Protein backbone atom coordinates (compact mmCIF):
# COMPACT_ATOMS: atom_id res chain seq x y z
CA MET A 1 238.14 85.87 173.59
CA ASP A 2 236.91 83.59 170.84
CA GLY A 3 240.06 81.54 171.35
CA ILE A 4 238.62 80.03 174.52
CA LYS A 5 235.85 78.47 172.42
CA ALA A 6 238.48 76.29 170.70
CA ASN A 7 238.78 74.42 174.04
CA ASN A 8 242.46 73.85 173.27
CA PHE A 9 244.86 75.45 175.74
CA VAL A 10 248.60 75.88 176.03
CA VAL A 11 249.35 75.89 179.78
CA VAL A 12 252.63 77.31 181.06
CA GLY A 13 253.93 76.25 184.48
CA ARG A 14 254.91 73.51 186.80
CA VAL A 15 254.17 69.83 187.19
CA GLY A 16 255.23 68.05 190.37
CA MET A 17 254.53 65.11 192.64
CA ASP A 18 251.82 65.11 195.31
CA LEU A 19 251.94 62.77 198.30
CA PHE A 20 248.96 62.40 200.61
CA PRO A 21 248.11 59.91 203.38
CA ALA A 22 244.74 58.27 204.00
CA VAL A 23 241.74 60.42 204.87
CA GLY A 24 242.10 61.98 208.31
CA VAL A 25 245.70 60.84 208.85
CA ALA A 26 248.40 63.38 209.70
CA VAL A 27 251.58 63.33 207.61
CA GLU A 28 253.74 62.57 210.64
CA ASP A 29 251.55 59.57 211.54
CA ALA A 30 251.34 58.07 208.05
CA ASP A 31 252.66 54.57 207.27
CA SER A 32 251.96 54.99 203.57
CA MET A 33 250.99 57.70 201.11
CA THR A 34 249.38 57.92 197.69
CA ALA A 35 251.45 59.55 194.96
CA ASP A 36 249.89 61.49 192.12
CA MET A 37 250.47 64.52 189.93
CA GLY A 38 250.59 68.02 191.37
CA GLY A 39 251.47 71.59 190.43
CA SER A 40 248.89 74.27 189.67
CA SER A 41 249.42 74.44 185.91
CA ALA A 42 249.50 70.66 185.50
CA ASN A 43 246.36 70.32 187.62
CA ILE A 44 244.55 72.92 185.51
CA ALA A 45 245.61 71.10 182.35
CA ALA A 46 244.41 67.75 183.72
CA GLY A 47 241.11 69.30 184.77
CA ILE A 48 240.59 70.75 181.30
CA VAL A 49 241.23 67.40 179.62
CA LYS A 50 239.00 65.50 182.04
CA LEU A 51 236.19 67.92 181.21
CA GLY A 52 236.59 67.33 177.48
CA GLY A 53 239.08 70.00 176.42
CA LYS A 54 242.64 69.75 175.16
CA ALA A 55 245.74 71.01 176.96
CA ALA A 56 249.49 71.01 176.39
CA LEU A 57 251.92 71.83 179.20
CA VAL A 58 255.06 73.94 178.76
CA THR A 59 257.57 73.37 181.57
CA CYS A 60 260.76 71.65 182.67
CA VAL A 61 261.05 68.47 184.73
CA SER A 62 264.04 66.90 186.42
CA ASP A 63 265.97 64.30 184.43
CA ASP A 64 265.36 61.55 186.96
CA ALA A 65 262.73 59.09 188.16
CA ILE A 66 260.49 61.82 189.63
CA GLY A 67 260.58 63.75 186.37
CA GLN A 68 259.60 60.57 184.55
CA PHE A 69 256.81 60.01 187.09
CA CYS A 70 255.47 63.45 186.20
CA ARG A 71 255.67 62.67 182.49
CA ASN A 72 253.83 59.39 183.04
CA LYS A 73 251.09 61.17 184.97
CA LEU A 74 250.68 63.81 182.27
CA ALA A 75 250.20 60.97 179.78
CA HIS A 76 247.75 59.28 182.16
CA TYR A 77 245.59 62.41 182.26
CA GLY A 78 245.88 63.01 178.52
CA VAL A 79 247.91 66.22 178.77
CA ASP A 80 250.17 66.86 175.76
CA ALA A 81 253.81 66.84 176.94
CA THR A 82 255.39 67.85 173.61
CA TYR A 83 256.80 70.99 175.24
CA VAL A 84 257.98 69.42 178.50
CA LYS A 85 261.80 69.48 178.68
CA SER A 86 264.03 67.43 181.00
CA VAL A 87 266.83 69.28 182.79
CA GLY A 88 269.80 67.70 184.58
CA GLY A 89 272.14 68.90 187.29
CA GLU A 90 270.68 69.65 190.70
CA ALA A 91 267.22 70.66 189.45
CA ARG A 92 264.40 68.73 191.11
CA ASN A 93 260.67 68.54 190.60
CA SER A 94 258.52 70.20 193.22
CA LEU A 95 257.04 67.96 195.91
CA ALA A 96 253.88 68.63 197.91
CA LEU A 97 252.70 66.70 200.96
CA TYR A 98 249.20 67.48 202.18
CA GLU A 99 246.48 65.90 204.26
CA SER A 100 242.87 64.95 203.57
CA ARG A 101 241.55 66.71 206.65
CA VAL A 102 240.39 70.24 207.42
CA GLN A 103 240.99 70.39 211.16
CA GLY A 104 244.72 70.84 211.69
CA HIS A 105 245.38 70.55 207.94
CA GLN A 106 249.04 70.61 206.97
CA SER A 107 250.60 71.23 203.55
CA VAL A 108 254.36 71.02 203.12
CA ILE A 109 255.86 72.18 199.82
CA TYR A 110 259.42 71.50 198.65
CA ARG A 111 260.52 73.97 195.98
CA ASN A 112 264.31 74.21 196.46
CA GLY A 113 266.06 74.16 193.09
CA ALA A 114 262.73 73.64 191.33
CA ALA A 115 263.12 72.23 187.82
CA ASP A 116 260.25 74.28 186.42
CA PHE A 117 262.13 77.50 187.19
CA ALA A 118 264.73 76.37 184.62
CA MET A 119 262.32 77.06 181.74
CA THR A 120 263.94 79.49 179.28
CA THR A 121 262.81 81.90 176.59
CA ALA A 122 264.07 79.37 174.03
CA ASP A 123 261.66 76.80 175.48
CA VAL A 124 258.62 79.03 175.05
CA GLU A 125 259.79 80.24 171.64
CA ALA A 126 259.72 76.60 170.49
CA VAL A 127 255.95 76.44 171.03
CA ASP A 128 253.65 76.61 168.00
CA TYR A 129 251.04 78.97 169.45
CA ALA A 130 248.93 78.78 166.31
CA ARG A 131 247.97 75.24 167.43
CA PHE A 132 246.03 76.61 170.40
CA GLY A 133 243.09 78.82 171.22
CA ALA A 134 244.31 80.40 174.47
CA LEU A 135 247.23 80.50 176.92
CA VAL A 136 246.85 79.73 180.63
CA THR A 137 249.35 80.18 183.42
CA ALA A 138 249.55 80.46 187.21
CA GLY A 139 251.55 83.03 189.13
CA THR A 140 254.28 80.79 190.48
CA VAL A 141 255.87 80.60 187.01
CA PHE A 142 256.94 84.24 187.51
CA ALA A 143 258.62 83.73 190.90
CA SER A 144 262.18 83.08 189.67
CA GLU A 145 264.47 83.42 186.65
CA PRO A 146 264.81 82.29 183.93
CA SER A 147 261.19 81.11 184.18
CA ARG A 148 259.92 84.66 184.80
CA SER A 149 261.38 86.09 181.60
CA ALA A 150 260.27 83.00 179.70
CA ALA A 151 256.69 83.37 180.90
CA PHE A 152 256.54 87.04 179.89
CA ARG A 153 257.97 86.05 176.49
CA ALA A 154 255.22 83.41 176.20
CA PHE A 155 252.66 86.17 176.87
CA GLU A 156 254.15 88.24 174.03
CA LEU A 157 254.16 85.32 171.60
CA ALA A 158 250.63 84.27 172.53
CA ARG A 159 249.40 87.82 172.06
CA ALA A 160 251.12 88.04 168.66
CA ALA A 161 249.36 84.81 167.65
CA GLY A 162 245.98 86.23 168.69
CA LEU A 163 245.54 84.05 171.80
CA PRO A 164 243.79 85.43 174.88
CA ILE A 165 245.90 85.21 178.06
CA ILE A 166 244.36 83.62 181.14
CA PHE A 167 246.15 84.27 184.45
CA ASP A 168 245.57 82.61 187.81
CA VAL A 169 247.36 84.85 190.33
CA ASP A 170 248.20 81.85 192.57
CA TYR A 171 250.51 83.77 194.93
CA ARG A 172 252.72 81.42 196.96
CA PRO A 173 255.03 83.52 199.21
CA TYR A 174 257.57 80.70 199.72
CA SER A 175 258.45 80.73 196.00
CA TRP A 176 259.37 84.42 195.82
CA PRO A 177 262.58 86.29 196.79
CA SER A 178 260.54 89.08 198.41
CA ALA A 179 256.99 90.38 198.71
CA GLN A 180 257.97 93.56 196.85
CA VAL A 181 259.21 91.62 193.82
CA ALA A 182 256.07 89.49 193.83
CA GLU A 183 253.80 92.53 193.98
CA GLU A 184 255.55 94.20 191.05
CA VAL A 185 255.79 91.11 188.84
CA LEU A 186 252.29 89.77 189.47
CA SER A 187 250.80 93.21 188.86
CA LYS A 188 252.67 93.41 185.54
CA ALA A 189 251.35 89.96 184.55
CA GLY A 190 247.83 90.93 185.52
CA ALA A 191 247.96 94.05 183.38
CA MET A 192 248.91 91.89 180.37
CA SER A 193 246.09 89.37 180.85
CA ASP A 194 242.60 89.05 179.34
CA VAL A 195 241.17 86.83 182.07
CA ILE A 196 242.40 87.14 185.67
CA VAL A 197 241.35 84.84 188.50
CA GLY A 198 242.46 85.39 192.09
CA ASN A 199 241.22 85.50 195.64
CA ASP A 200 240.73 88.55 197.84
CA ASP A 201 244.13 88.07 199.50
CA GLU A 202 245.90 87.89 196.12
CA PHE A 203 244.24 90.97 194.65
CA GLY A 204 244.85 92.78 197.93
CA PHE A 205 248.49 91.81 197.82
CA MET A 206 248.89 93.17 194.29
CA ALA A 207 247.08 96.36 195.32
CA GLY A 208 249.29 96.88 198.38
CA ALA A 209 246.55 96.26 200.97
CA LYS A 210 243.70 93.77 201.26
CA ASP A 211 241.04 96.48 201.49
CA LYS A 212 242.20 97.78 198.09
CA GLY A 213 241.97 94.42 196.29
CA LEU A 214 238.35 94.70 195.19
CA GLU A 215 238.96 98.08 193.61
CA MET A 216 242.03 96.73 191.82
CA ALA A 217 239.98 93.86 190.39
CA ARG A 218 237.33 96.34 189.27
CA ALA A 219 239.95 98.63 187.73
CA LEU A 220 241.62 95.81 185.80
CA ALA A 221 238.26 94.85 184.29
CA ALA A 222 237.64 98.46 183.32
CA THR A 223 241.02 99.01 181.68
CA SER A 224 242.75 95.90 180.33
CA ALA A 225 241.08 92.59 181.22
CA LYS A 226 237.91 91.21 179.65
CA ILE A 227 237.02 89.04 182.67
CA VAL A 228 238.19 89.35 186.29
CA VAL A 229 237.06 86.84 188.92
CA TYR A 230 237.49 88.04 192.51
CA LYS A 231 237.09 85.01 194.77
CA MET A 232 236.14 85.39 198.43
CA GLY A 233 236.26 81.83 199.75
CA GLU A 234 233.08 80.85 201.56
CA HIS A 235 231.56 84.21 200.59
CA GLY A 236 231.52 83.35 196.88
CA ALA A 237 232.90 85.47 194.06
CA ILE A 238 232.39 88.70 192.16
CA THR A 239 233.03 88.51 188.41
CA PHE A 240 233.66 91.71 186.48
CA ALA A 241 232.99 91.74 182.72
CA ASP A 242 231.53 94.16 180.17
CA GLY A 243 230.88 96.78 182.84
CA GLU A 244 228.79 94.36 184.92
CA GLU A 245 229.39 92.73 188.31
CA ILE A 246 228.16 89.16 188.66
CA ARG A 247 227.91 87.93 192.25
CA THR A 248 227.77 84.21 192.91
CA GLY A 249 227.80 81.99 195.98
CA ILE A 250 229.46 78.62 196.61
CA TYR A 251 228.20 75.06 196.74
CA GLU A 252 228.06 73.67 200.27
CA VAL A 253 229.93 70.38 200.66
CA ARG A 254 231.69 68.56 203.45
CA ALA A 255 235.31 69.39 202.65
CA LEU A 256 238.10 66.88 203.20
CA LYS A 257 240.84 69.41 202.46
CA PRO A 258 241.34 72.96 201.21
CA THR A 259 243.74 72.13 198.35
CA GLY A 260 243.01 71.88 194.62
CA ALA A 261 239.91 74.09 194.57
CA GLY A 262 241.44 76.94 192.58
CA ASP A 263 242.88 74.69 189.88
CA SER A 264 239.59 72.86 189.45
CA PHE A 265 237.66 76.13 189.37
CA MET A 266 239.83 77.38 186.52
CA ALA A 267 239.38 74.17 184.52
CA GLY A 268 235.63 74.24 185.02
CA LEU A 269 235.34 77.93 184.15
CA LEU A 270 237.33 77.66 180.92
CA THR A 271 235.76 74.48 179.59
CA SER A 272 232.29 75.80 180.42
CA LEU A 273 232.96 79.01 178.47
CA ALA A 274 234.32 76.85 175.64
CA ASP A 275 231.13 74.79 175.69
CA GLY A 276 229.05 77.92 175.17
CA HIS A 277 227.72 78.59 178.67
CA ASP A 278 227.16 82.20 179.66
CA LEU A 279 229.66 83.74 182.09
CA LYS A 280 227.60 83.39 185.27
CA THR A 281 226.84 79.74 184.52
CA ALA A 282 230.52 79.11 183.74
CA VAL A 283 231.54 80.62 187.08
CA LEU A 284 229.00 78.47 188.89
CA ARG A 285 230.20 75.35 187.09
CA GLY A 286 233.75 76.27 188.06
CA SER A 287 232.58 76.62 191.66
CA ALA A 288 230.97 73.18 191.44
CA CYS A 289 234.26 71.71 190.19
CA ALA A 290 236.04 73.31 193.15
CA ALA A 291 233.50 71.84 195.56
CA ILE A 292 233.90 68.37 194.05
CA VAL A 293 237.69 68.46 194.49
CA VAL A 294 237.78 69.63 198.11
CA ALA A 295 235.41 66.80 199.04
CA LYS A 296 237.76 64.07 197.73
CA PRO A 297 241.38 63.02 198.33
CA GLY A 298 244.01 64.27 195.89
CA CYS A 299 243.89 67.10 193.37
CA ALA A 300 244.19 65.89 189.76
CA PRO A 301 242.56 62.52 190.56
CA ALA A 302 239.67 64.29 192.31
CA MET A 303 238.84 66.57 189.39
CA PRO A 304 235.54 65.72 187.72
CA TYR A 305 234.63 64.28 184.36
CA PRO A 306 231.52 65.74 182.67
CA ALA A 307 229.29 63.02 184.12
CA ASP A 308 230.57 63.78 187.63
CA LEU A 309 229.89 67.48 187.19
CA ASP A 310 226.41 66.85 185.78
CA LYS A 311 225.60 64.52 188.68
CA PHE A 312 226.81 67.08 191.22
CA LEU A 313 224.81 69.91 189.66
CA ALA A 314 221.67 67.77 189.55
CA ALA A 315 222.05 67.02 193.26
CA HIS A 316 222.82 70.57 194.39
CA ALA A 317 220.69 73.66 193.96
CA SER A 318 222.48 76.73 192.63
CA PRO A 319 223.93 78.67 195.56
CA THR A 320 222.36 81.92 196.66
CA ASP A 321 224.10 84.87 195.03
CA VAL A 322 226.23 86.94 197.40
CA THR A 323 225.19 90.54 198.05
């Protein structure tokens, strides 16, 4: 796990375009929208860089104006795009439309013919893993071929190079051919990972039933993973590590939207561990990053810089630990 301390991450997975109207406006009523970067892996990478770490993205983008938009945004956020490949044909970057409102919130995701699913084993074999301290990915990268095989190959190569593997379950049903395939593949990825982060629904899905998710998280921490974070939404999280269970609450904020919290949590958790914080503090700092993002429009643009995080923590008492 010492690799996390390098604060230099290779992140495997998608980058896309986000579109969101003004605060409180429904998509169908919008006259204009703001465009920015999206995609779980790209958001995590941007969050890491904004918090002072380094991140390189491994993915494919469409060989068109939207793909170039994504490249430009990666550059804007300081994410290394050395391993981002353009693909032609009918491949298109993913597109997400979501609203900055909680009541009646709508998110619409376009993933047909997604360019990131075109990532191949050759693409991940071209990565110099020795440059990095740890590998990070989110579950959607496993939803289709050839990306699925490529991601598992990246796990093998990262492991061979001594990098810890950090896995955000990030289950999105619309990306998968069936629930059965998703359960099998995500469980396999989880068993290969050193750090696993997911919510109660995601662990329950991998376990075959929601009421079995907590035990699965506990079992993974006891057998293969070094750290497992079991998130429970407004009820906080339980983190399993070294035979201990760390229970933490959430920071209360007035949320504008539900999107982006998980990506920001991951960025905050990893950079906090890299900066030498103990695990409980790192989880709480990740929770603070999540709270900051849901209270602002956008995902990557809403993620905090260190000064933003410090200001938030100074203004908010640590949440009461869950029981």
